[in-house]
Amino acid sequence: RAWGQSAPAGRRFARLAGIPFRLLRWPAGTGPNWQNHRFPGTASFVVE
């Protein structure tokens, strides 16, 4: 699951792992939410 600037890297990881990708907004106060707002040009996503 990824959103915004992290979506391209999240999709790439999903393809490499052979698992589905879901474009989902970050819940408030989460680690990826903070990273993607705080550090432009990087990616932070979740693997369930």
All heavy atoms as atom14 arrays in JSON, in Angstrom:
{
  "sequence": "RAWGQSAPAGRRFARLAGIPFRLLRWPAGTGPNWQNHRFPGTASFVVE",
  "atom14_mask": [
    [1, 1, 1, 1, 1, 1, 1, 1, 1, 1, 1, 0, 0, 0],
    [1, 1, 1, 1, 1, 0, 0, 0, 0, 0, 0, 0, 0, 0],
    [1, 1, 1, 1, 1, 1, 1, 1, 1, 1, 1, 1, 1, 1],
    [1, 1, 1, 1, 0, 0, 0, 0, 0, 0, 0, 0, 0, 0],
    [1, 1, 1, 1, 1, 1, 1, 1, 1, 0, 0, 0, 0, 0],
    [1, 1, 1, 1, 1, 1, 0, 0, 0, 0, 0, 0, 0, 0],
    [1, 1, 1, 1, 1, 0, 0, 0, 0, 0, 0, 0, 0, 0],
    [1, 1, 1, 1, 1, 1, 1, 0, 0, 0, 0, 0, 0, 0],
    [1, 1, 1, 1, 1, 0, 0, 0, 0, 0, 0, 0, 0, 0],
    [1, 1, 1, 1, 0, 0, 0, 0, 0, 0, 0, 0, 0, 0],
    [1, 1, 1, 1, 1, 1, 1, 1, 1, 1, 1, 0, 0, 0],
    [1, 1, 1, 1, 1, 1, 1, 1, 1, 1, 1, 0, 0, 0],
    [1, 1, 1, 1, 1, 1, 1, 1, 1, 1, 1, 0, 0, 0],
    [1, 1, 1, 1, 1, 0, 0, 0, 0, 0, 0, 0, 0, 0],
    [1, 1, 1, 1, 1, 1, 1, 1, 1, 1, 1, 0, 0, 0],
    [1, 1, 1, 1, 1, 1, 1, 1, 0, 0, 0, 0, 0, 0],
    [1, 1, 1, 1, 1, 0, 0, 0, 0, 0, 0, 0, 0, 0],
    [1, 1, 1, 1, 0, 0, 0, 0, 0, 0, 0, 0, 0, 0],
    [1, 1, 1, 1, 1, 1, 1, 1, 0, 0, 0, 0, 0, 0],
    [1, 1, 1, 1, 1, 1, 1, 0, 0, 0, 0, 0, 0, 0],
    [1, 1, 1, 1, 1, 1, 1, 1, 1, 1, 1, 0, 0, 0],
    [1, 1, 1, 1, 1, 1, 1, 1, 1, 1, 1, 0, 0, 0],
    [1, 1, 1, 1, 1, 1, 1, 1, 0, 0, 0, 0, 0, 0],
    [1, 1, 1, 1, 1, 1, 1, 1, 0, 0, 0, 0, 0, 0],
    [1, 1, 1, 1, 1, 1, 1, 1, 1, 1, 1, 0, 0, 0],
    [1, 1, 1, 1, 1, 1, 1, 1, 1, 1, 1, 1, 1, 1],
    [1, 1, 1, 1, 1, 1, 1, 0, 0, 0, 0, 0, 0, 0],
    [1, 1, 1, 1, 1, 0, 0, 0, 0, 0, 0, 0, 0, 0],
    [1, 1, 1, 1, 0, 0, 0, 0, 0, 0, 0, 0, 0, 0],
    [1, 1, 1, 1, 1, 1, 1, 0, 0, 0, 0, 0, 0, 0],
    [1, 1, 1, 1, 0, 0, 0, 0, 0, 0, 0, 0, 0, 0],
    [1, 1, 1, 1, 1, 1, 1, 0, 0, 0, 0, 0, 0, 0],
    [1, 1, 1, 1, 1, 1, 1, 1, 0, 0, 0, 0, 0, 0],
    [1, 1, 1, 1, 1, 1, 1, 1, 1, 1, 1, 1, 1, 1],
    [1, 1, 1, 1, 1, 1, 1, 1, 1, 0, 0, 0, 0, 0],
    [1, 1, 1, 1, 1, 1, 1, 1, 0, 0, 0, 0, 0, 0],
    [1, 1, 1, 1, 1, 1, 1, 1, 1, 1, 0, 0, 0, 0],
    [1, 1, 1, 1, 1, 1, 1, 1, 1, 1, 1, 0, 0, 0],
    [1, 1, 1, 1, 1, 1, 1, 1, 1, 1, 1, 0, 0, 0],
    [1, 1, 1, 1, 1, 1, 1, 0, 0, 0, 0, 0, 0, 0],
    [1, 1, 1, 1, 0, 0, 0, 0, 0, 0, 0, 0, 0, 0],
    [1, 1, 1, 1, 1, 1, 1, 0, 0, 0, 0, 0, 0, 0],
    [1, 1, 1, 1, 1, 0, 0, 0, 0, 0, 0, 0, 0, 0],
    [1, 1, 1, 1, 1, 1, 0, 0, 0, 0, 0, 0, 0, 0],
    [1, 1, 1, 1, 1, 1, 1, 1, 1, 1, 1, 0, 0, 0],
    [1, 1, 1, 1, 1, 1, 1, 0, 0, 0, 0, 0, 0, 0],
    [1, 1, 1, 1, 1, 1, 1, 0, 0, 0, 0, 0, 0, 0],
    [1, 1, 1, 1, 1, 1, 1, 1, 1, 0, 0, 0, 0, 0]
  ],
  "atom14_positions": [
    [[0.85, -1.19, 0.0], [0.0, 0.0, 0.0], [0.89, 1.24, 0.0], [1.88, 1.33, 0.74], [-0.95, 0.02, 1.19], [-0.3, -0.03, 2.55], [-1.35, 0.12, 3.66], [-1.99, 1.42, 3.6], [-3.12, 1.71, 4.25], [-3.72, 0.79, 4.98], [-3.65, 2.92, 4.16], [0.0, 0.0, 0.0], [0.0, 0.0, 0.0], [0.0, 0.0, 0.0]],
    [[0.55, 2.2, -0.86], [1.34, 3.42, -0.98], [0.43, 4.54, -1.46], [-0.69, 4.3, -1.93], [2.51, 3.23, -1.93], [0.0, 0.0, 0.0], [0.0, 0.0, 0.0], [0.0, 0.0, 0.0], [0.0, 0.0, 0.0], [0.0, 0.0, 0.0], [0.0, 0.0, 0.0], [0.0, 0.0, 0.0], [0.0, 0.0, 0.0], [0.0, 0.0, 0.0]],
    [[0.95, 5.78, -1.38], [0.17, 6.95, -1.78], [1.14, 8.07, -2.15], [2.24, 8.16, -1.62], [-0.75, 7.39, -0.65], [-1.64, 8.56, -0.99], [-1.5, 9.85, -0.58], [-2.78, 8.53, -1.83], [-2.49, 10.62, -1.11], [-3.31, 9.84, -1.88], [-3.43, 7.51, -2.55], [-4.45, 10.18, -2.62], [-4.56, 7.84, -3.27], [-5.06, 9.16, -3.31]],
    [[0.71, 8.91, -3.08], [1.49, 10.1, -3.42], [2.86, 9.75, -3.97], [3.0, 8.88, -4.84], [0.0, 0.0, 0.0], [0.0, 0.0, 0.0], [0.0, 0.0, 0.0], [0.0, 0.0, 0.0], [0.0, 0.0, 0.0], [0.0, 0.0, 0.0], [0.0, 0.0, 0.0], [0.0, 0.0, 0.0], [0.0, 0.0, 0.0], [0.0, 0.0, 0.0]],
    [[3.9, 10.41, -3.45], [5.24, 10.28, -4.01], [5.82, 8.88, -3.84], [6.79, 8.51, -4.52], [6.18, 11.29, -3.37], [6.49, 11.02, -1.9], [7.28, 12.15, -1.26], [6.99, 13.31, -1.47], [8.3, 11.81, -0.47], [0.0, 0.0, 0.0], [0.0, 0.0, 0.0], [0.0, 0.0, 0.0], [0.0, 0.0, 0.0], [0.0, 0.0, 0.0]],
    [[5.25, 8.08, -2.93], [5.79, 6.73, -2.71], [5.16, 5.69, -3.62], [5.61, 4.53, -3.62], [5.58, 6.32, -1.25], [4.21, 6.13, -0.97], [0.0, 0.0, 0.0], [0.0, 0.0, 0.0], [0.0, 0.0, 0.0], [0.0, 0.0, 0.0], [0.0, 0.0, 0.0], [0.0, 0.0, 0.0], [0.0, 0.0, 0.0], [0.0, 0.0, 0.0]],
    [[4.13, 6.06, -4.39], [3.42, 5.08, -5.2], [4.32, 4.4, -6.25], [4.24, 3.17, -6.41], [2.21, 5.72, -5.87], [0.0, 0.0, 0.0], [0.0, 0.0, 0.0], [0.0, 0.0, 0.0], [0.0, 0.0, 0.0], [0.0, 0.0, 0.0], [0.0, 0.0, 0.0], [0.0, 0.0, 0.0], [0.0, 0.0, 0.0], [0.0, 0.0, 0.0]],
    [[5.16, 5.14, -7.0], [6.0, 4.44, -7.99], [6.9, 3.37, -7.39], [6.98, 2.26, -7.91], [6.82, 5.58, -8.61], [5.98, 6.81, -8.43], [5.31, 6.61, -7.09], [0.0, 0.0, 0.0], [0.0, 0.0, 0.0], [0.0, 0.0, 0.0], [0.0, 0.0, 0.0], [0.0, 0.0, 0.0], [0.0, 0.0, 0.0], [0.0, 0.0, 0.0]],
    [[7.58, 3.69, -6.28], [8.46, 2.7, -5.66], [7.64, 1.55, -5.07], [8.08, 0.39, -5.11], [9.3, 3.36, -4.57], [0.0, 0.0, 0.0], [0.0, 0.0, 0.0], [0.0, 0.0, 0.0], [0.0, 0.0, 0.0], [0.0, 0.0, 0.0], [0.0, 0.0, 0.0], [0.0, 0.0, 0.0], [0.0, 0.0, 0.0], [0.0, 0.0, 0.0]],
    [[6.45, 1.85, -4.52], [5.6, 0.79, -4.0], [5.15, -0.17, -5.09], [5.13, -1.39, -4.9], [0.0, 0.0, 0.0], [0.0, 0.0, 0.0], [0.0, 0.0, 0.0], [0.0, 0.0, 0.0], [0.0, 0.0, 0.0], [0.0, 0.0, 0.0], [0.0, 0.0, 0.0], [0.0, 0.0, 0.0], [0.0, 0.0, 0.0], [0.0, 0.0, 0.0]],
    [[4.78, 0.4, -6.25], [4.39, -0.46, -7.38], [5.56, -1.34, -7.83], [5.38, -2.51, -8.15], [3.93, 0.4, -8.56], [2.56, 1.0, -8.41], [2.07, 1.55, -9.74], [0.77, 2.18, -9.61], [0.57, 3.47, -9.39], [1.63, 4.28, -9.3], [-0.64, 3.96, -9.29], [0.0, 0.0, 0.0], [0.0, 0.0, 0.0], [0.0, 0.0, 0.0]],
    [[6.75, -0.74, -7.85], [7.93, -1.5, -8.27], [8.19, -2.67, -7.33], [8.46, -3.79, -7.77], [9.15, -0.57, -8.31], [10.46, -1.24, -8.7], [10.4, -1.77, -10.09], [11.66, -2.38, -10.48], [11.76, -3.36, -11.36], [10.68, -3.86, -11.94], [12.93, -3.85, -11.68], [0.0, 0.0, 0.0], [0.0, 0.0, 0.0], [0.0, 0.0, 0.0]],
    [[8.09, -2.43, -6.02], [8.3, -3.51, -5.06], [7.24, -4.59, -5.22], [7.56, -5.79, -5.16], [8.27, -2.95, -3.63], [8.61, -3.97, -2.58], [9.92, -4.15, -2.17], [7.63, -4.77, -2.01], [10.24, -5.1, -1.2], [7.93, -5.71, -1.04], [9.24, -5.88, -0.64], [0.0, 0.0, 0.0], [0.0, 0.0, 0.0], [0.0, 0.0, 0.0]],
    [[5.99, -4.19, -5.43], [4.92, -5.17, -5.59], [5.19, -6.08, -6.79], [4.97, -7.29, -6.73], [3.58, -4.46, -5.75], [0.0, 0.0, 0.0], [0.0, 0.0, 0.0], [0.0, 0.0, 0.0], [0.0, 0.0, 0.0], [0.0, 0.0, 0.0], [0.0, 0.0, 0.0], [0.0, 0.0, 0.0], [0.0, 0.0, 0.0], [0.0, 0.0, 0.0]],
    [[5.66, -5.48, -7.89], [5.98, -6.3, -9.07], [7.12, -7.26, -8.78], [7.1, -8.43, -9.18], [6.32, -5.41, -10.26], [5.11, -4.75, -10.91], [5.44, -4.26, -12.3], [6.41, -3.16, -12.28], [6.08, -1.88, -12.22], [4.8, -1.52, -12.15], [6.99, -0.95, -12.22], [0.0, 0.0, 0.0], [0.0, 0.0, 0.0], [0.0, 0.0, 0.0]],
    [[8.16, -6.77, -8.09], [9.31, -7.63, -7.77], [8.9, -8.79, -6.85], [9.43, -9.89, -6.97], [10.41, -6.8, -7.11], [11.14, -5.78, -7.99], [12.03, -4.87, -7.14], [11.98, -6.48, -9.05], [0.0, 0.0, 0.0], [0.0, 0.0, 0.0], [0.0, 0.0, 0.0], [0.0, 0.0, 0.0], [0.0, 0.0, 0.0], [0.0, 0.0, 0.0]],
    [[7.97, -8.52, -5.93], [7.54, -9.55, -4.97], [6.41, -10.41, -5.5], [6.08, -11.45, -4.9], [7.12, -8.89, -3.66], [0.0, 0.0, 0.0], [0.0, 0.0, 0.0], [0.0, 0.0, 0.0], [0.0, 0.0, 0.0], [0.0, 0.0, 0.0], [0.0, 0.0, 0.0], [0.0, 0.0, 0.0], [0.0, 0.0, 0.0], [0.0, 0.0, 0.0]],
    [[5.79, -10.0, -6.6], [4.68, -10.76, -7.15], [3.43, -10.71, -6.28], [2.71, -11.71, -6.17], [0.0, 0.0, 0.0], [0.0, 0.0, 0.0], [0.0, 0.0, 0.0], [0.0, 0.0, 0.0], [0.0, 0.0, 0.0], [0.0, 0.0, 0.0], [0.0, 0.0, 0.0], [0.0, 0.0, 0.0], [0.0, 0.0, 0.0], [0.0, 0.0, 0.0]],
    [[3.17, -9.55, -5.66], [1.98, -9.38, -4.83], [1.22, -8.15, -5.3], [1.79, -7.28, -5.98], [2.33, -9.25, -3.33], [3.28, -8.07, -3.08], [2.95, -10.55, -2.83], [3.65, -7.87, -1.61], [0.0, 0.0, 0.0], [0.0, 0.0, 0.0], [0.0, 0.0, 0.0], [0.0, 0.0, 0.0], [0.0, 0.0, 0.0], [0.0, 0.0, 0.0]],
    [[-0.07, -8.0, -4.98], [-0.86, -6.87, -5.45], [-0.39, -5.53, -4.88], [0.25, -5.47, -3.82], [-2.28, -7.19, -4.96], [-2.27, -8.67, -4.69], [-0.88, -8.99, -4.24], [0.0, 0.0, 0.0], [0.0, 0.0, 0.0], [0.0, 0.0, 0.0], [0.0, 0.0, 0.0], [0.0, 0.0, 0.0], [0.0, 0.0, 0.0], [0.0, 0.0, 0.0]],
    [[-0.76, -4.47, -5.6], [-0.49, -3.1, -5.16], [-1.82, -2.38, -4.95], [-2.74, -2.52, -5.76], [0.35, -2.35, -6.19], [0.51, -0.89, -5.87], [1.44, -0.47, -4.94], [-0.3, 0.07, -6.5], [1.57, 0.88, -4.62], [-0.17, 1.42, -6.19], [0.76, 1.83, -5.26], [0.0, 0.0, 0.0], [0.0, 0.0, 0.0], [0.0, 0.0, 0.0]],
    [[-1.91, -1.59, -3.88], [-3.11, -0.83, -3.61], [-2.74, 0.63, -3.36], [-1.85, 0.92, -2.54], [-3.86, -1.38, -2.39], [-4.36, -2.81, -2.57], [-5.12, -3.29, -1.35], [-5.52, -4.69, -1.48], [-6.17, -5.37, -0.55], [-6.52, -4.77, 0.59], [-6.49, -6.63, -0.74], [0.0, 0.0, 0.0], [0.0, 0.0, 0.0], [0.0, 0.0, 0.0]],
    [[-3.4, 1.53, -4.07], [-3.18, 2.96, -3.89], [-4.13, 3.44, -2.79], [-5.33, 3.6, -3.02], [-3.44, 3.7, -5.2], [-3.0, 5.17, -5.26], [-1.49, 5.28, -5.11], [-3.46, 5.8, -6.57], [0.0, 0.0, 0.0], [0.0, 0.0, 0.0], [0.0, 0.0, 0.0], [0.0, 0.0, 0.0], [0.0, 0.0, 0.0], [0.0, 0.0, 0.0]],
    [[-3.59, 3.64, -1.59], [-4.41, 3.98, -0.42], [-3.78, 5.15, 0.33], [-2.56, 5.21, 0.49], [-4.52, 2.77, 0.53], [-5.21, 1.51, -0.02], [-5.04, 0.36, 0.96], [-6.68, 1.79, -0.27], [0.0, 0.0, 0.0], [0.0, 0.0, 0.0], [0.0, 0.0, 0.0], [0.0, 0.0, 0.0], [0.0, 0.0, 0.0], [0.0, 0.0, 0.0]],
    [[-4.62, 6.08, 0.79], [-4.12, 7.21, 1.56], [-3.56, 6.75, 2.91], [-4.0, 5.73, 3.46], [-5.25, 8.22, 1.81], [-5.68, 8.99, 0.57], [-6.71, 10.04, 0.93], [-7.11, 10.81, -0.25], [-6.47, 11.89, -0.69], [-5.4, 12.32, -0.04], [-6.9, 12.52, -1.77], [0.0, 0.0, 0.0], [0.0, 0.0, 0.0], [0.0, 0.0, 0.0]],
    [[-2.6, 7.55, 3.42], [-2.0, 7.21, 4.7], [-2.92, 7.62, 5.85], [-3.45, 8.74, 5.85], [-0.67, 7.95, 4.89], [0.3, 7.75, 3.77], [0.86, 8.7, 2.99], [0.82, 6.5, 3.31], [1.69, 8.15, 2.07], [1.7, 6.78, 2.25], [0.64, 5.17, 3.7], [2.38, 5.8, 1.56], [1.33, 4.19, 3.01], [2.18, 4.51, 1.97]],
    [[-3.1, 6.77, 6.84], [-3.79, 7.21, 8.05], [-3.0, 8.32, 8.75], [-1.78, 8.44, 8.58], [-3.84, 5.95, 8.91], [-3.69, 4.81, 7.95], [-2.79, 5.33, 6.87], [0.0, 0.0, 0.0], [0.0, 0.0, 0.0], [0.0, 0.0, 0.0], [0.0, 0.0, 0.0], [0.0, 0.0, 0.0], [0.0, 0.0, 0.0], [0.0, 0.0, 0.0]],
    [[-3.69, 9.15, 9.52], [-3.03, 10.24, 10.24], [-2.03, 9.69, 11.26], [-2.27, 8.68, 11.91], [-4.07, 11.09, 10.95], [0.0, 0.0, 0.0], [0.0, 0.0, 0.0], [0.0, 0.0, 0.0], [0.0, 0.0, 0.0], [0.0, 0.0, 0.0], [0.0, 0.0, 0.0], [0.0, 0.0, 0.0], [0.0, 0.0, 0.0], [0.0, 0.0, 0.0]],
    [[-0.87, 10.35, 11.35], [0.11, 10.02, 12.38], [0.95, 8.8, 12.12], [1.66, 8.34, 13.02], [0.0, 0.0, 0.0], [0.0, 0.0, 0.0], [0.0, 0.0, 0.0], [0.0, 0.0, 0.0], [0.0, 0.0, 0.0], [0.0, 0.0, 0.0], [0.0, 0.0, 0.0], [0.0, 0.0, 0.0], [0.0, 0.0, 0.0], [0.0, 0.0, 0.0]],
    [[0.93, 8.26, 10.9], [1.73, 7.06, 10.6], [3.14, 7.44, 10.15], [3.4, 8.56, 9.71], [1.06, 6.21, 9.51], [1.01, 6.96, 8.29], [-0.35, 5.8, 9.92], [0.0, 0.0, 0.0], [0.0, 0.0, 0.0], [0.0, 0.0, 0.0], [0.0, 0.0, 0.0], [0.0, 0.0, 0.0], [0.0, 0.0, 0.0], [0.0, 0.0, 0.0]],
    [[4.04, 6.45, 10.22], [5.41, 6.68, 9.79], [5.53, 7.07, 8.33], [6.2, 8.06, 8.01], [0.0, 0.0, 0.0], [0.0, 0.0, 0.0], [0.0, 0.0, 0.0], [0.0, 0.0, 0.0], [0.0, 0.0, 0.0], [0.0, 0.0, 0.0], [0.0, 0.0, 0.0], [0.0, 0.0, 0.0], [0.0, 0.0, 0.0], [0.0, 0.0, 0.0]],
    [[4.9, 6.34, 7.4], [4.99, 6.74, 5.99], [4.37, 8.11, 5.73], [4.86, 8.86, 4.89], [4.21, 5.63, 5.28], [4.35, 4.44, 6.18], [4.3, 5.01, 7.57], [0.0, 0.0, 0.0], [0.0, 0.0, 0.0], [0.0, 0.0, 0.0], [0.0, 0.0, 0.0], [0.0, 0.0, 0.0], [0.0, 0.0, 0.0], [0.0, 0.0, 0.0]],
    [[3.29, 8.45, 6.42], [2.68, 9.77, 6.28], [3.71, 10.85, 6.6], [3.92, 11.81, 5.84], [1.46, 9.87, 7.21], [0.66, 11.14, 7.0], [1.19, 12.21, 6.73], [-0.65, 11.04, 7.16], [0.0, 0.0, 0.0], [0.0, 0.0, 0.0], [0.0, 0.0, 0.0], [0.0, 0.0, 0.0], [0.0, 0.0, 0.0], [0.0, 0.0, 0.0]],
    [[4.37, 10.69, 7.74], [5.38, 11.67, 8.17], [6.54, 11.75, 7.19], [6.96, 12.84, 6.79], [5.86, 11.3, 9.57], [7.02, 12.13, 10.04], [6.98, 13.42, 10.49], [8.39, 11.71, 10.09], [8.25, 13.84, 10.82], [9.13, 12.81, 10.58], [9.07, 10.53, 9.78], [10.51, 12.76, 10.78], [10.43, 10.48, 9.96], [11.15, 11.58, 10.45]],
    [[7.08, 10.59, 6.77], [8.23, 10.59, 5.88], [7.9, 11.23, 4.53], [8.68, 12.04, 4.01], [8.73, 9.16, 5.65], [9.61, 8.64, 6.77], [10.25, 7.32, 6.39], [9.74, 6.26, 6.76], [11.34, 7.35, 5.67], [0.0, 0.0, 0.0], [0.0, 0.0, 0.0], [0.0, 0.0, 0.0], [0.0, 0.0, 0.0], [0.0, 0.0, 0.0]],
    [[6.78, 10.86, 3.95], [6.47, 11.36, 2.61], [6.15, 12.86, 2.6], [6.35, 13.52, 1.6], [5.3, 10.57, 2.02], [5.73, 9.18, 1.57], [6.58, 9.03, 0.71], [5.15, 8.15, 2.17], [0.0, 0.0, 0.0], [0.0, 0.0, 0.0], [0.0, 0.0, 0.0], [0.0, 0.0, 0.0], [0.0, 0.0, 0.0], [0.0, 0.0, 0.0]],
    [[5.7, 13.4, 3.73], [5.5, 14.84, 3.82], [6.8, 15.57, 4.17], [7.03, 16.68, 3.71], [4.43, 15.17, 4.88], [3.03, 14.98, 4.41], [2.35, 13.8, 4.55], [2.19, 15.83, 3.77], [1.13, 13.92, 4.04], [1.01, 15.14, 3.55], [0.0, 0.0, 0.0], [0.0, 0.0, 0.0], [0.0, 0.0, 0.0], [0.0, 0.0, 0.0]],
    [[7.63, 14.92, 4.96], [8.83, 15.57, 5.48], [10.01, 15.52, 4.52], [10.86, 16.42, 4.52], [9.21, 14.9, 6.81], [10.44, 15.47, 7.5], [10.19, 16.87, 8.02], [11.33, 17.36, 8.77], [12.47, 17.8, 8.2], [12.59, 17.82, 6.88], [13.45, 18.23, 8.98], [0.0, 0.0, 0.0], [0.0, 0.0, 0.0], [0.0, 0.0, 0.0]],
    [[10.08, 14.48, 3.65], [11.27, 14.28, 2.82], [10.88, 14.13, 1.35], [10.69, 13.0, 0.86], [12.06, 13.05, 3.3], [12.48, 13.14, 4.73], [11.74, 12.54, 5.74], [13.61, 13.85, 5.09], [12.11, 12.62, 7.07], [14.0, 13.96, 6.42], [13.24, 13.35, 7.42], [0.0, 0.0, 0.0], [0.0, 0.0, 0.0], [0.0, 0.0, 0.0]],
    [[10.73, 15.24, 0.63], [10.39, 15.16, -0.8], [11.46, 14.4, -1.58], [12.65, 14.43, -1.24], [10.35, 16.64, -1.21], [10.17, 17.41, 0.05], [10.87, 16.61, 1.11], [0.0, 0.0, 0.0], [0.0, 0.0, 0.0], [0.0, 0.0, 0.0], [0.0, 0.0, 0.0], [0.0, 0.0, 0.0], [0.0, 0.0, 0.0], [0.0, 0.0, 0.0]],
    [[11.03, 13.7, -2.62], [11.97, 12.98, -3.46], [12.33, 11.6, -2.96], [13.11, 10.9, -3.59], [0.0, 0.0, 0.0], [0.0, 0.0, 0.0], [0.0, 0.0, 0.0], [0.0, 0.0, 0.0], [0.0, 0.0, 0.0], [0.0, 0.0, 0.0], [0.0, 0.0, 0.0], [0.0, 0.0, 0.0], [0.0, 0.0, 0.0], [0.0, 0.0, 0.0]],
    [[11.8, 11.2, -1.79], [12.02, 9.85, -1.26], [10.7, 9.1, -1.26], [9.66, 9.65, -1.6], [12.6, 9.9, 0.15], [11.62, 10.42, 1.06], [13.84, 10.78, 0.21], [0.0, 0.0, 0.0], [0.0, 0.0, 0.0], [0.0, 0.0, 0.0], [0.0, 0.0, 0.0], [0.0, 0.0, 0.0], [0.0, 0.0, 0.0], [0.0, 0.0, 0.0]],
    [[10.74, 7.85, -0.89], [9.53, 7.02, -0.86], [9.48, 6.23, 0.43], [10.5, 5.69, 0.89], [9.49, 6.08, -2.05], [0.0, 0.0, 0.0], [0.0, 0.0, 0.0], [0.0, 0.0, 0.0], [0.0, 0.0, 0.0], [0.0, 0.0, 0.0], [0.0, 0.0, 0.0], [0.0, 0.0, 0.0], [0.0, 0.0, 0.0], [0.0, 0.0, 0.0]],
    [[8.29, 6.15, 1.01], [8.07, 5.36, 2.22], [6.71, 4.68, 2.06], [5.69, 5.34, 1.94], [8.08, 6.27, 3.46], [7.8, 5.54, 4.63], [0.0, 0.0, 0.0], [0.0, 0.0, 0.0], [0.0, 0.0, 0.0], [0.0, 0.0, 0.0], [0.0, 0.0, 0.0], [0.0, 0.0, 0.0], [0.0, 0.0, 0.0], [0.0, 0.0, 0.0]],
    [[6.71, 3.35, 2.05], [5.46, 2.63, 1.82], [5.36, 1.42, 2.74], [6.32, 1.06, 3.43], [5.33, 2.2, 0.35], [6.44, 1.32, -0.15], [6.41, -0.05, 0.03], [7.52, 1.87, -0.84], [7.43, -0.88, -0.43], [8.55, 1.06, -1.33], [8.5, -0.31, -1.12], [0.0, 0.0, 0.0], [0.0, 0.0, 0.0], [0.0, 0.0, 0.0]],
    [[4.19, 0.81, 2.74], [3.88, -0.32, 3.64], [3.73, -1.6, 2.83], [3.15, -1.59, 1.74], [2.57, -0.04, 4.42], [2.05, -1.31, 5.09], [2.79, 1.04, 5.45], [0.0, 0.0, 0.0], [0.0, 0.0, 0.0], [0.0, 0.0, 0.0], [0.0, 0.0, 0.0], [0.0, 0.0, 0.0], [0.0, 0.0, 0.0], [0.0, 0.0, 0.0]],
    [[4.28, -2.68, 3.38], [4.06, -4.02, 2.83], [3.29, -4.81, 3.88], [3.76, -4.99, 5.0], [5.37, -4.74, 2.48], [5.09, -6.15, 1.97], [6.17, -3.95, 1.45], [0.0, 0.0, 0.0], [0.0, 0.0, 0.0], [0.0, 0.0, 0.0], [0.0, 0.0, 0.0], [0.0, 0.0, 0.0], [0.0, 0.0, 0.0], [0.0, 0.0, 0.0]],
    [[2.09, -5.25, 3.52], [1.27, -6.09, 4.39], [1.49, -7.56, 4.03], [1.51, -7.91, 2.85], [-0.22, -5.75, 4.23], [-0.59, -4.34, 4.62], [-0.89, -4.2, 6.11], [-0.71, -5.19, 6.85], [-1.31, -3.09, 6.51], [0.0, 0.0, 0.0], [0.0, 0.0, 0.0], [0.0, 0.0, 0.0], [0.0, 0.0, 0.0], [0.0, 0.0, 0.0]]
  ]
}
